[in-house]
Amino acid sequence: MKRFQTLALGAAGAFAAAAIAPAAWAQASATQPTTSTATIFQPIQLAKNTDLSFGTVVRPITGSGTVSISATDGQRTPSGGVALLNSGPNAPAARATYTVTGEGGQTFNVNIPANFSMSRTGGSETIVVTLNMSVTNPQTLSGSLGSTGTLQFGVGGSIPVASNTQSGAYSGTFNVVVAYN
């Protein structure tokens, strides 16, 4: 009798396994739809409208001073006995101005060097220019996603002028970089 129970249980187990097997086989794979997205921005662009010019400056008789150009409004300010002329080869004085265009409503950063050197034409003398800008980071372009946005800003700075600064024309370049965040 014991043998019959074992056979019956074995047969029942095999039957149960056969009944479960199709259900387990049905769960061997599953499908889930997945959404894919992308947002495309137009390129960010930077246009220079005006260059930074300290104008024509008369060095002090003794000592030293500075000439500063406001990044906000381009106003030129002397100190320490430096005199300003409103005419001459580099007149008028001006802040550098720029226009940024890109995807409306998006944030970006403006990067400028802290300083750079201008060299005297025909000589080896240099003047270190300390830069500043009229904006703080981050900035946001006007408009909204799907439209063109713009923003304008200025770069100003200051230069030291001493009684022993060599006369002549000084020039140099610096890079301004804008990048989306």
C-alpha atoms as a PDB file:
ATOM      1  CA  MET A   1       0.000   0.000   0.000  1.00  0.00           C
ATOM      2  CA  LYS A   2       2.873   2.236   0.758  1.00  0.00           C
ATOM      3  CA  ARG A   3       4.184   1.708  -2.709  1.00  0.00           C
ATOM      4  CA  PHE A   4       0.851   2.738  -4.212  1.00  0.00           C
ATOM      5  CA  GLN A   5       0.827   6.009  -2.222  1.00  0.00           C
ATOM      6  CA  THR A   6       4.328   6.822  -3.453  1.00  0.00           C
ATOM      7  CA  LEU A   7       3.258   6.172  -7.026  1.00  0.00           C
ATOM      8  CA  ALA A   8       0.117   8.240  -6.567  1.00  0.00           C
ATOM      9  CA  LEU A   9       2.039  11.108  -5.044  1.00  0.00           C
ATOM     10  CA  GLY A  10       4.693  10.868  -7.757  1.00  0.00           C
ATOM     11  CA  ALA A  11       2.042  10.942 -10.447  1.00  0.00           C
ATOM     12  CA  ALA A  12       0.269  13.868  -8.774  1.00  0.00           C
ATOM     13  CA  GLY A  13       3.570  15.761  -8.499  1.00  0.00           C
ATOM     14  CA  ALA A  14       4.334  15.172 -12.171  1.00  0.00           C
ATOM     15  CA  PHE A  15       0.830  16.338 -13.101  1.00  0.00           C
ATOM     16  CA  ALA A  16       1.187  19.473 -10.950  1.00  0.00           C
ATOM     17  CA  ALA A  17       4.579  20.245 -12.492  1.00  0.00           C
ATOM     18  CA  ALA A  18       3.081  19.835 -15.956  1.00  0.00           C
ATOM     19  CA  ALA A  19       0.235  22.186 -15.029  1.00  0.00           C
ATOM     20  CA  ILE A  20       2.669  24.816 -13.679  1.00  0.00           C
ATOM     21  CA  ALA A  21       5.199  24.541 -16.503  1.00  0.00           C
ATOM     22  CA  PRO A  22       3.167  26.430 -19.146  1.00  0.00           C
ATOM     23  CA  ALA A  23       2.572  29.309 -16.704  1.00  0.00           C
ATOM     24  CA  ALA A  24       6.290  29.523 -15.899  1.00  0.00           C
ATOM     25  CA  TRP A  25       7.109  29.421 -19.624  1.00  0.00           C
ATOM     26  CA  ALA A  26       4.753  32.332 -20.274  1.00  0.00           C
ATOM     27  CA  GLN A  27       6.774  34.505 -17.827  1.00  0.00           C
ATOM     28  CA  ALA A  28      10.109  33.891 -19.532  1.00  0.00           C
ATOM     29  CA  SER A  29       9.818  37.263 -21.348  1.00  0.00           C
ATOM     30  CA  ALA A  30       8.003  40.565 -20.914  1.00  0.00           C
ATOM     31  CA  THR A  31       7.603  43.749 -22.920  1.00  0.00           C
ATOM     32  CA  GLN A  32       7.527  47.314 -21.636  1.00  0.00           C
ATOM     33  CA  PRO A  33       7.190  50.321 -23.962  1.00  0.00           C
ATOM     34  CA  THR A  34       9.805  53.017 -23.183  1.00  0.00           C
ATOM     35  CA  THR A  35       9.700  56.653 -24.183  1.00  0.00           C
ATOM     36  CA  SER A  36      12.800  58.353 -25.545  1.00  0.00           C
ATOM     37  CA  THR A  37      13.197  62.153 -25.414  1.00  0.00           C
ATOM     38  CA  ALA A  38      15.649  64.797 -26.567  1.00  0.00           C
ATOM     39  CA  THR A  39      15.759  68.583 -26.413  1.00  0.00           C
ATOM     40  CA  ILE A  40      17.690  70.316 -29.169  1.00  0.00           C
ATOM     41  CA  PHE A  41      19.149  73.792 -28.534  1.00  0.00           C
ATOM     42  CA  GLN A  42      20.315  76.197 -31.155  1.00  0.00           C
ATOM     43  CA  PRO A  43      24.026  76.974 -30.811  1.00  0.00           C
ATOM     44  CA  ILE A  44      25.079  79.680 -28.390  1.00  0.00           C
ATOM     45  CA  GLN A  45      26.850  82.507 -30.222  1.00  0.00           C
ATOM     46  CA  LEU A  46      28.843  85.530 -29.107  1.00  0.00           C
ATOM     47  CA  ALA A  47      29.239  88.718 -31.150  1.00  0.00           C
ATOM     48  CA  LYS A  48      31.614  91.515 -30.167  1.00  0.00           C
ATOM     49  CA  ASN A  49      30.017  94.933 -30.676  1.00  0.00           C
ATOM     50  CA  THR A  50      32.862  97.194 -29.449  1.00  0.00           C
ATOM     51  CA  ASP A  51      36.447  96.780 -28.275  1.00  0.00           C
ATOM     52  CA  LEU A  52      37.825  97.831 -24.901  1.00  0.00           C
ATOM     53  CA  SER A  53      39.692 101.133 -25.240  1.00  0.00           C
ATOM     54  CA  PHE A  54      41.275 103.189 -22.485  1.00  0.00           C
ATOM     55  CA  GLY A  55      41.587 106.125 -24.881  1.00  0.00           C
ATOM     56  CA  THR A  56      44.454 108.570 -24.806  1.00  0.00           C
ATOM     57  CA  VAL A  57      46.048 108.985 -21.396  1.00  0.00           C
ATOM     58  CA  VAL A  58      48.714 111.363 -20.063  1.00  0.00           C
ATOM     59  CA  ARG A  59      50.980 109.739 -17.478  1.00  0.00           C
ATOM     60  CA  PRO A  60      51.524 111.539 -14.165  1.00  0.00           C
ATOM     61  CA  ILE A  61      54.610 113.711 -13.644  1.00  0.00           C
ATOM     62  CA  THR A  62      55.509 111.701 -10.534  1.00  0.00           C
ATOM     63  CA  GLY A  63      54.101 108.618  -8.887  1.00  0.00           C
ATOM     64  CA  SER A  64      51.493 106.380 -10.391  1.00  0.00           C
ATOM     65  CA  GLY A  65      47.772 106.115 -10.940  1.00  0.00           C
ATOM     66  CA  THR A  66      45.193 104.166 -12.894  1.00  0.00           C
ATOM     67  CA  VAL A  67      42.643 104.532 -15.648  1.00  0.00           C
ATOM     68  CA  SER A  68      39.418 102.560 -15.244  1.00  0.00           C
ATOM     69  CA  ILE A  69      36.621 101.836 -17.699  1.00  0.00           C
ATOM     70  CA  SER A  70      33.267 100.865 -16.179  1.00  0.00           C
ATOM     71  CA  ALA A  71      31.904  97.542 -17.459  1.00  0.00           C
ATOM     72  CA  THR A  72      28.369  98.812 -16.855  1.00  0.00           C
ATOM     73  CA  ASP A  73      28.342 102.149 -18.654  1.00  0.00           C
ATOM     74  CA  GLY A  74      31.816 102.642 -20.163  1.00  0.00           C
ATOM     75  CA  GLN A  75      32.640 105.690 -18.050  1.00  0.00           C
ATOM     76  CA  ARG A  76      36.384 106.379 -17.878  1.00  0.00           C
ATOM     77  CA  THR A  77      37.876 107.393 -14.515  1.00  0.00           C
ATOM     78  CA  PRO A  78      41.467 108.485 -13.768  1.00  0.00           C
ATOM     79  CA  SER A  79      43.298 108.413 -10.433  1.00  0.00           C
ATOM     80  CA  GLY A  80      46.712 109.386  -9.028  1.00  0.00           C
ATOM     81  CA  GLY A  81      47.569 112.292 -11.298  1.00  0.00           C
ATOM     82  CA  VAL A  82      46.693 110.551 -14.581  1.00  0.00           C
ATOM     83  CA  ALA A  83      45.087 112.943 -17.096  1.00  0.00           C
ATOM     84  CA  LEU A  84      42.579 111.947 -19.779  1.00  0.00           C
ATOM     85  CA  LEU A  85      42.368 113.368 -23.302  1.00  0.00           C
ATOM     86  CA  ASN A  86      39.224 113.208 -25.415  1.00  0.00           C
ATOM     87  CA  SER A  87      41.157 113.155 -28.674  1.00  0.00           C
ATOM     88  CA  GLY A  88      44.119 111.208 -29.953  1.00  0.00           C
ATOM     89  CA  PRO A  89      44.834 107.904 -31.653  1.00  0.00           C
ATOM     90  CA  ASN A  90      42.760 105.695 -29.299  1.00  0.00           C
ATOM     91  CA  ALA A  91      39.870 108.080 -28.666  1.00  0.00           C
ATOM     92  CA  PRO A  92      37.151 107.616 -27.692  1.00  0.00           C
ATOM     93  CA  ALA A  93      37.444 105.377 -24.683  1.00  0.00           C
ATOM     94  CA  ALA A  94      34.881 102.562 -24.453  1.00  0.00           C
ATOM     95  CA  ARG A  95      34.013  99.367 -22.665  1.00  0.00           C
ATOM     96  CA  ALA A  96      33.905  96.178 -24.710  1.00  0.00           C
ATOM     97  CA  THR A  97      30.322  95.134 -25.452  1.00  0.00           C
ATOM     98  CA  TYR A  98      28.932  91.806 -26.569  1.00  0.00           C
ATOM     99  CA  THR A  99      25.658  90.215 -27.636  1.00  0.00           C
ATOM    100  CA  VAL A 100      24.916  86.580 -26.814  1.00  0.00           C
ATOM    101  CA  THR A 101      22.287  84.716 -28.850  1.00  0.00           C
ATOM    102  CA  GLY A 102      21.031  81.189 -28.336  1.00  0.00           C
ATOM    103  CA  GLU A 103      18.109  79.107 -27.155  1.00  0.00           C
ATOM    104  CA  GLY A 104      15.571  81.296 -25.369  1.00  0.00           C
ATOM    105  CA  GLY A 105      15.181  80.929 -21.612  1.00  0.00           C
ATOM    106  CA  GLN A 106      18.401  78.929 -21.158  1.00  0.00           C
ATOM    107  CA  THR A 107      21.171  79.707 -18.689  1.00  0.00           C
ATOM    108  CA  PHE A 108      24.805  80.206 -19.579  1.00  0.00           C
ATOM    109  CA  ASN A 109      28.064  81.448 -18.064  1.00  0.00           C
ATOM    110  CA  VAL A 110      30.399  84.179 -19.274  1.00  0.00           C
ATOM    111  CA  ASN A 111      34.109  83.660 -18.663  1.00  0.00           C
ATOM    112  CA  ILE A 112      36.833  86.284 -19.014  1.00  0.00           C
ATOM    113  CA  PRO A 113      40.417  86.228 -17.796  1.00  0.00           C
ATOM    114  CA  ALA A 114      41.173  88.145 -14.594  1.00  0.00           C
ATOM    115  CA  ASN A 115      43.871  90.029 -16.484  1.00  0.00           C
ATOM    116  CA  PHE A 116      45.950  90.100 -19.649  1.00  0.00           C
ATOM    117  CA  SER A 117      48.900  92.103 -20.976  1.00  0.00           C
ATOM    118  CA  MET A 118      49.022  94.823 -23.596  1.00  0.00           C
ATOM    119  CA  SER A 119      52.379  95.332 -25.320  1.00  0.00           C
ATOM    120  CA  ARG A 120      53.825  98.565 -26.624  1.00  0.00           C
ATOM    121  CA  THR A 121      54.034  98.729 -30.401  1.00  0.00           C
ATOM    122  CA  GLY A 122      57.704  98.743 -31.384  1.00  0.00           C
ATOM    123  CA  GLY A 123      58.895  97.872 -27.892  1.00  0.00           C
ATOM    124  CA  SER A 124      58.953  95.173 -25.254  1.00  0.00           C
ATOM    125  CA  GLU A 125      57.107  97.052 -22.487  1.00  0.00           C
ATOM    126  CA  THR A 126      53.784  95.709 -21.229  1.00  0.00           C
ATOM    127  CA  ILE A 127      50.848  96.972 -19.208  1.00  0.00           C
ATOM    128  CA  VAL A 128      48.715  94.502 -17.248  1.00  0.00           C
ATOM    129  CA  VAL A 129      44.976  95.051 -17.711  1.00  0.00           C
ATOM    130  CA  THR A 130      42.660  93.923 -14.910  1.00  0.00           C
ATOM    131  CA  LEU A 131      39.230  92.989 -16.299  1.00  0.00           C
ATOM    132  CA  ASN A 132      35.692  92.992 -14.914  1.00  0.00           C
ATOM    133  CA  MET A 133      32.270  92.426 -16.455  1.00  0.00           C
ATOM    134  CA  SER A 134      28.803  93.883 -16.059  1.00  0.00           C
ATOM    135  CA  VAL A 135      27.111  90.522 -15.405  1.00  0.00           C
ATOM    136  CA  THR A 136      27.442  87.744 -12.848  1.00  0.00           C
ATOM    137  CA  ASN A 137      27.079  84.040 -13.585  1.00  0.00           C
ATOM    138  CA  PRO A 138      24.809  82.398 -14.437  1.00  0.00           C
ATOM    139  CA  GLN A 139      22.821  84.516 -16.901  1.00  0.00           C
ATOM    140  CA  THR A 140      19.572  83.639 -18.710  1.00  0.00           C
ATOM    141  CA  LEU A 141      18.803  84.375 -22.340  1.00  0.00           C
ATOM    142  CA  SER A 142      15.566  86.255 -23.051  1.00  0.00           C
ATOM    143  CA  GLY A 143      12.618  84.397 -24.567  1.00  0.00           C
ATOM    144  CA  SER A 144      11.635  80.772 -24.101  1.00  0.00           C
ATOM    145  CA  LEU A 145      12.526  77.315 -25.396  1.00  0.00           C
ATOM    146  CA  GLY A 146      11.903  77.162 -29.137  1.00  0.00           C
ATOM    147  CA  SER A 147      12.732  80.831 -29.754  1.00  0.00           C
ATOM    148  CA  THR A 148      15.935  82.820 -30.077  1.00  0.00           C
ATOM    149  CA  GLY A 149      17.041  84.586 -26.900  1.00  0.00           C
ATOM    150  CA  THR A 150      19.591  87.354 -26.462  1.00  0.00           C
ATOM    151  CA  LEU A 151      21.556  89.104 -23.747  1.00  0.00           C
ATOM    152  CA  GLN A 152      24.019  91.999 -23.909  1.00  0.00           C
ATOM    153  CA  PHE A 153      26.857  92.656 -21.475  1.00  0.00           C
ATOM    154  CA  GLY A 154      29.995  94.739 -21.119  1.00  0.00           C
ATOM    155  CA  VAL A 155      33.598  94.211 -20.104  1.00  0.00           C
ATOM    156  CA  GLY A 156      35.635  96.972 -18.513  1.00  0.00           C
ATOM    157  CA  GLY A 157      38.893  97.125 -16.675  1.00  0.00           C
ATOM    158  CA  SER A 158      41.751  99.195 -15.353  1.00  0.00           C
ATOM    159  CA  ILE A 159      45.386  99.812 -16.201  1.00  0.00           C
ATOM    160  CA  PRO A 160      48.210 101.191 -14.088  1.00  0.00           C
ATOM    161  CA  VAL A 161      49.983 104.284 -15.436  1.00  0.00           C
ATOM    162  CA  ALA A 162      53.180 105.471 -13.742  1.00  0.00           C
ATOM    163  CA  SER A 163      55.457 108.420 -14.367  1.00  0.00           C
ATOM    164  CA  ASN A 164      57.959 105.993 -15.902  1.00  0.00           C
ATOM    165  CA  THR A 165      55.454 104.187 -18.177  1.00  0.00           C
ATOM    166  CA  GLN A 166      56.935 104.291 -21.672  1.00  0.00           C
ATOM    167  CA  SER A 167      55.026 106.494 -24.145  1.00  0.00           C
ATOM    168  CA  GLY A 168      53.501 104.779 -27.146  1.00  0.00           C
ATOM    169  CA  ALA A 169      50.531 102.746 -28.353  1.00  0.00           C
ATOM    170  CA  TYR A 170      49.736  99.593 -26.358  1.00  0.00           C
ATOM    171  CA  SER A 171      47.476  96.769 -27.491  1.00  0.00           C
ATOM    172  CA  GLY A 172      46.609  93.193 -26.630  1.00  0.00           C
ATOM    173  CA  THR A 173      43.808  90.683 -26.886  1.00  0.00           C
ATOM    174  CA  PHE A 174      41.786  88.576 -24.496  1.00  0.00           C
ATOM    175  CA  ASN A 175      39.170  85.882 -25.035  1.00  0.00           C
ATOM    176  CA  VAL A 176      35.587  85.976 -23.838  1.00  0.00           C
ATOM    177  CA  VAL A 177      33.828  82.607 -23.659  1.00  0.00           C
ATOM    178  CA  VAL A 178      30.116  81.868 -23.252  1.00  0.00           C
ATOM    179  CA  ALA A 179      28.785  78.353 -22.628  1.00  0.00           C
ATOM    180  CA  TYR A 180      25.419  76.826 -21.791  1.00  0.00           C
ATOM    181  CA  ASN A 181      25.127  75.403 -18.275  1.00  0.00           C
END
